[in-house]
């Protein structure tokens, strides 16, 4: 019986995707256009697969061949000792500390701090920021475009002159915190609290 799609790409990339996974997740799709236009080359023309909640190493672009097979073949990155499943890890990042855009609010001078948080379809319930190891302060969240897209967050920090370290952490929709312990990208995705120094 057929169990896998063995997908190959123009650049030599290949990946096996279980038919069971495809059959159980109606969000998975093969994409060939974008808003009624052919898929741009840099986004995978002529065909790519989109698998929610998996890192890109499990989602071939520039697909040139699909074979239905009963035998599993390790994917390109699995052969190189990366994760078999590549399930996304919950993460949050500080993208900017806008010290050049101070907001005057009464007697306060506020610096917008912003970034993204992401947990795949587990969604984001809260983002917190702290400065110089102080108390965690809750950030404001922008409504995401869908249940699987990044959440943009913002925290207005009461400005204090000098050098500072900012940290961010996030919580999934169920309240589960992101993993605080630092780990590298390899083999299955980085974890840890992101910090930003000014």
Protein backbone atom coordinates (compact mmCIF):
# COMPACT_ATOMS: atom_id res chain seq x y z
CA UNK A 1 0.00 0.00 0.00
CA UNK A 2 1.12 3.56 -0.73
CA UNK A 3 2.36 5.34 2.39
CA UNK A 4 4.52 8.27 1.26
CA UNK A 5 4.98 10.98 -1.30
CA UNK A 6 8.63 11.07 -2.32
CA UNK A 7 9.09 14.67 -3.46
CA UNK A 8 12.12 15.89 -5.42
CA UNK A 9 13.11 19.45 -6.27
CA UNK A 10 15.07 21.29 -8.94
CA UNK A 11 17.89 22.10 -6.50
CA UNK A 12 18.47 18.46 -5.46
CA UNK A 13 16.38 18.69 -2.31
CA UNK A 14 14.10 15.73 -1.56
CA UNK A 15 11.64 14.84 1.19
CA UNK A 16 9.24 12.02 2.06
CA UNK A 17 5.83 13.13 3.33
CA UNK A 18 3.53 10.55 4.91
CA UNK A 19 0.16 10.22 3.20
CA UNK A 20 -1.33 9.73 6.67
CA UNK A 21 -0.16 13.23 7.61
CA UNK A 22 -1.62 14.72 4.43
CA UNK A 23 -4.93 12.88 4.86
CA UNK A 24 -5.29 14.02 8.48
CA UNK A 25 -4.50 17.72 7.97
CA UNK A 26 -6.71 19.50 5.43
CA UNK A 27 -4.53 22.62 5.66
CA UNK A 28 -1.63 20.94 3.83
CA UNK A 29 -1.54 22.05 0.23
CA UNK A 30 0.49 22.03 -2.94
CA UNK A 31 0.82 25.64 -4.11
CA UNK A 32 1.20 26.69 -7.73
CA UNK A 33 -0.23 30.21 -7.67
CA UNK A 34 -0.34 33.26 -5.44
CA UNK A 35 -3.42 35.48 -5.52
CA UNK A 36 -4.30 34.20 -8.99
CA UNK A 37 -0.79 34.67 -10.36
CA UNK A 38 1.87 31.99 -10.96
CA UNK A 39 3.94 31.28 -7.86
CA UNK A 40 7.04 33.53 -7.95
CA UNK A 41 10.32 31.73 -8.62
CA UNK A 42 11.84 32.74 -5.29
CA UNK A 43 8.81 31.26 -3.50
CA UNK A 44 9.01 27.88 -5.21
CA UNK A 45 7.70 28.02 -8.81
CA UNK A 46 6.42 25.84 -10.37
CA UNK A 47 5.17 23.99 -7.27
CA UNK A 48 5.78 23.82 -3.55
CA UNK A 49 4.18 22.06 -0.60
CA UNK A 50 2.99 23.91 2.52
CA UNK A 51 2.83 21.92 5.76
CA UNK A 52 1.73 23.98 8.77
CA UNK A 53 3.71 23.78 12.00
CA UNK A 54 6.82 22.29 10.36
CA UNK A 55 10.09 24.01 9.63
CA UNK A 56 10.96 24.78 6.02
CA UNK A 57 13.36 21.84 5.78
CA UNK A 58 10.27 19.60 5.51
CA UNK A 59 8.59 21.71 2.81
CA UNK A 60 10.18 21.37 -0.64
CA UNK A 61 10.01 24.23 -3.15
CA UNK A 62 10.71 24.10 -6.91
CA UNK A 63 9.15 20.63 -7.06
CA UNK A 64 9.99 18.65 -10.21
CA UNK A 65 8.81 15.17 -9.22
CA UNK A 66 6.34 13.39 -6.92
CA UNK A 67 6.34 9.62 -6.54
CA UNK A 68 3.78 7.67 -4.52
CA UNK A 69 5.61 4.87 -2.72
CA UNK A 70 5.33 2.37 0.12
CA UNK A 71 8.96 2.88 1.13
CA UNK A 72 10.22 5.70 3.31
CA UNK A 73 13.29 7.57 2.11
CA UNK A 74 15.08 9.92 4.48
CA UNK A 75 14.81 13.54 3.42
CA UNK A 76 17.75 15.71 2.40
CA UNK A 77 18.20 17.25 5.85
CA UNK A 78 17.36 14.07 7.76
CA UNK A 79 20.28 12.43 5.93
CA UNK A 80 22.40 15.21 7.41
CA UNK A 81 21.22 14.45 10.97
CA UNK A 82 18.47 17.04 11.26
CA UNK A 83 15.05 16.32 12.76
CA UNK A 84 12.77 13.66 11.30
CA UNK A 85 9.62 15.67 12.15
CA UNK A 86 10.83 19.31 12.29
CA UNK A 87 7.87 20.36 14.46
CA UNK A 88 8.15 24.10 15.14
CA UNK A 89 9.22 25.32 18.58
CA UNK A 90 7.49 28.22 20.29
CA UNK A 91 9.64 31.32 19.99
CA UNK A 92 9.70 35.07 20.50
CA UNK A 93 12.15 37.64 19.18
CA UNK A 94 12.96 41.31 19.77
CA UNK A 95 13.33 42.94 16.36
CA UNK A 96 13.67 46.57 17.37
CA UNK A 97 14.29 48.90 20.31
CA UNK A 98 13.36 52.22 18.73
CA UNK A 99 15.49 54.61 20.79
CA UNK A 100 15.34 57.11 17.91
CA UNK A 101 11.52 57.24 18.12
CA UNK A 102 10.85 58.25 21.72
CA UNK A 103 7.18 58.95 22.46
CA UNK A 104 6.39 61.81 24.82
CA UNK A 105 3.41 60.81 27.01
CA UNK A 106 2.82 63.27 29.82
CA UNK A 107 6.00 63.28 31.87
CA UNK A 108 7.06 59.91 30.50
CA UNK A 109 9.40 59.24 27.59
CA UNK A 110 8.53 55.87 26.07
CA UNK A 111 10.62 53.76 23.69
CA UNK A 112 8.69 51.31 21.46
CA UNK A 113 10.11 47.80 21.63
CA UNK A 114 8.75 45.33 19.12
CA UNK A 115 9.08 41.89 17.61
CA UNK A 116 7.28 38.68 16.78
CA UNK A 117 6.13 35.56 18.60
CA UNK A 118 5.15 32.28 16.98
CA UNK A 119 3.96 28.84 18.04
CA UNK A 120 2.43 27.47 14.84
CA UNK A 121 -1.21 26.51 15.33
CA UNK A 122 -0.70 26.41 19.11
CA UNK A 123 -1.10 30.20 18.87
CA UNK A 124 0.14 32.90 21.26
CA UNK A 125 -1.69 34.05 24.40
CA UNK A 126 0.86 36.41 25.94
CA UNK A 127 4.25 38.06 25.40
CA UNK A 128 6.34 39.55 28.20
CA UNK A 129 9.40 41.81 28.18
CA UNK A 130 11.88 42.60 30.91
CA UNK A 131 14.74 45.06 31.15
CA UNK A 132 18.01 44.45 32.97
CA UNK A 133 16.67 41.37 34.76
CA UNK A 134 13.74 43.23 36.33
CA UNK A 135 10.10 42.21 36.48
CA UNK A 136 8.41 40.82 33.38
CA UNK A 137 5.98 43.28 31.77
CA UNK A 138 3.16 42.25 29.44
CA UNK A 139 3.34 43.48 25.85
CA UNK A 140 0.46 44.42 23.55
CA UNK A 141 -0.37 41.89 20.82
CA UNK A 142 -1.63 42.61 17.32
CA UNK A 143 -4.30 40.23 16.02
CA UNK A 144 -2.54 37.72 13.71
CA UNK A 145 -3.59 37.24 10.09
CA UNK A 146 -4.39 33.56 10.73
CA UNK A 147 -4.02 30.88 13.38
CA UNK A 148 -0.62 29.87 12.00
CA UNK A 149 1.01 33.27 11.37
CA UNK A 150 3.37 35.29 13.53
CA UNK A 151 1.98 37.53 16.25
CA UNK A 152 3.45 41.04 16.22
CA UNK A 153 3.94 42.46 19.70
CA UNK A 154 4.88 45.86 21.18
CA UNK A 155 5.92 47.13 24.57
CA UNK A 156 6.46 50.83 25.34
CA UNK A 157 9.42 51.00 27.70
CA UNK A 158 9.82 53.99 30.06
CA UNK A 159 13.16 55.31 28.81
CA UNK A 160 16.19 55.33 31.09
CA UNK A 161 19.52 56.58 29.77
CA UNK A 162 22.45 54.15 29.60
CA UNK A 163 23.17 50.62 28.42
CA UNK A 164 20.42 48.03 28.82
CA UNK A 165 19.57 44.39 28.14
CA UNK A 166 16.06 43.51 26.99
CA UNK A 167 14.58 40.00 27.07
CA UNK A 168 11.35 38.55 25.70
CA UNK A 169 9.35 35.41 26.39
CA UNK A 170 6.01 34.12 25.17
CA UNK A 171 3.23 31.70 26.05
CA UNK A 172 1.20 29.41 23.83
CA UNK A 173 -2.58 29.64 23.63
CA UNK A 174 -2.90 27.08 26.43
CA UNK A 175 -0.58 29.12 28.67
CA UNK A 176 2.43 26.85 28.14
CA UNK A 177 5.61 28.97 28.24
CA UNK A 178 8.26 28.75 25.57
CA UNK A 179 11.33 26.70 26.47
CA UNK A 180 13.70 29.01 28.35
CA UNK A 181 16.78 26.79 28.09
CA UNK A 182 19.13 27.73 25.25
CA UNK A 183 19.63 25.11 22.54
CA UNK A 184 21.01 25.43 18.99
CA UNK A 185 19.05 25.15 15.75
CA UNK A 186 20.44 21.72 15.05
CA UNK A 187 18.90 19.17 15.06
CA UNK A 188 15.30 20.21 15.70
CA UNK A 189 15.01 23.98 16.17
CA UNK A 190 16.49 26.57 18.53
CA UNK A 191 15.06 27.38 21.94
CA UNK A 192 15.80 29.96 24.63
CA UNK A 193 15.01 33.48 25.76
CA UNK A 194 16.01 36.08 23.18
CA UNK A 195 17.94 39.12 24.42
CA UNK A 196 18.82 42.45 22.83
CA UNK A 197 21.46 44.89 24.06
CA UNK A 198 21.67 48.64 23.53
